[in-house]
Amino acid sequence: MATQVKQKPKPLFISNFCTKCAHIRICAVFRAIAPLLESWQEETRPFEAEQLANICKSFVSGETLNLLNENVSSE
């Protein structure tokens, strides 16, 4: 008997990583956590600091801003 497994849909334009974020303000959380996580050995690190963007409520990709700017400039 075959079973179906639902997969989380992938974003169309972006992958959420702090290094791809276009925050206007500086992200204090990333700046604080990144050095701490980098000091851990790779095999014991619970996650990569750039993955904080997956739970960040203020994440905005540079690609999204470019698309919005194109729409505004074309009007």
Protein backbone atom coordinates (compact mmCIF):
# COMPACT_ATOMS: atom_id res chain seq x y z
CA MET A 1 0.00 0.00 0.00
CA ALA A 2 1.44 3.37 -1.02
CA THR A 3 1.25 6.31 1.35
CA GLN A 4 1.37 9.95 0.42
CA VAL A 5 3.61 12.34 2.30
CA LYS A 6 2.84 16.05 2.29
CA GLN A 7 5.86 18.20 1.71
CA LYS A 8 6.21 21.81 2.71
CA PRO A 9 6.02 23.99 -0.42
CA LYS A 10 9.20 25.80 -1.33
CA PRO A 11 9.14 29.58 -1.77
CA LEU A 12 8.96 30.66 -5.39
CA PHE A 13 11.59 33.39 -5.43
CA ILE A 14 13.58 33.13 -2.24
CA SER A 15 15.27 30.84 0.16
CA ASN A 16 15.23 32.26 3.64
CA PHE A 17 18.79 32.83 4.79
CA CYS A 18 19.98 35.83 6.80
CA THR A 19 22.69 36.42 4.22
CA LYS A 20 19.96 37.00 1.58
CA CYS A 21 17.92 39.35 3.76
CA ALA A 22 17.43 43.00 2.82
CA HIS A 23 16.67 44.41 6.26
CA ILE A 24 16.72 48.15 6.37
CA ARG A 25 17.77 48.00 10.00
CA ILE A 26 20.70 45.92 11.22
CA CYS A 27 19.69 42.53 12.56
CA ALA A 28 20.95 42.47 16.15
CA VAL A 29 19.84 38.87 16.70
CA PHE A 30 21.92 37.54 13.79
CA ARG A 31 24.93 39.63 14.82
CA ALA A 32 24.72 38.23 18.35
CA ILE A 33 24.08 34.58 17.53
CA ALA A 34 26.33 34.12 14.47
CA PRO A 35 29.68 34.44 16.34
CA LEU A 36 28.42 32.14 19.10
CA LEU A 37 27.38 29.41 16.66
CA GLU A 38 30.58 29.77 14.66
CA SER A 39 32.58 28.98 17.80
CA TRP A 40 30.92 25.53 17.99
CA GLN A 41 32.27 22.62 16.04
CA GLU A 42 30.25 21.94 12.90
CA GLU A 43 29.02 18.49 13.98
CA THR A 44 27.74 19.81 17.34
CA ARG A 45 26.16 23.00 15.99
CA PRO A 46 22.35 22.75 16.30
CA PHE A 47 21.74 24.94 13.23
CA GLU A 48 23.49 27.46 11.04
CA ALA A 49 23.09 31.12 12.01
CA GLU A 50 21.83 32.04 8.53
CA GLN A 51 18.85 29.74 9.11
CA LEU A 52 17.41 32.20 11.65
CA ALA A 53 15.67 33.79 8.66
CA ASN A 54 13.28 30.82 8.58
CA ILE A 55 11.62 32.05 11.79
CA CYS A 56 12.28 35.78 11.38
CA LYS A 57 9.13 37.92 11.17
CA SER A 58 11.08 40.79 9.58
CA PHE A 59 12.74 38.81 6.78
CA VAL A 60 12.61 40.56 3.41
CA SER A 61 14.54 39.22 0.46
CA GLY A 62 16.44 41.53 -1.85
CA GLU A 63 14.70 39.86 -4.80
CA THR A 64 11.29 40.82 -3.40
CA LEU A 65 12.37 44.44 -3.00
CA ASN A 66 13.66 44.47 -6.58
CA LEU A 67 10.32 43.17 -7.87
CA LEU A 68 8.43 45.81 -5.88
CA ASN A 69 10.74 48.56 -7.12
CA GLU A 70 10.23 47.45 -10.73
CA ASN A 71 6.45 47.62 -10.28
CA VAL A 72 6.63 51.09 -8.75
CA SER A 73 8.98 52.47 -11.41
CA SER A 74 6.86 51.08 -14.26
CA GLU A 75 3.74 52.96 -13.07
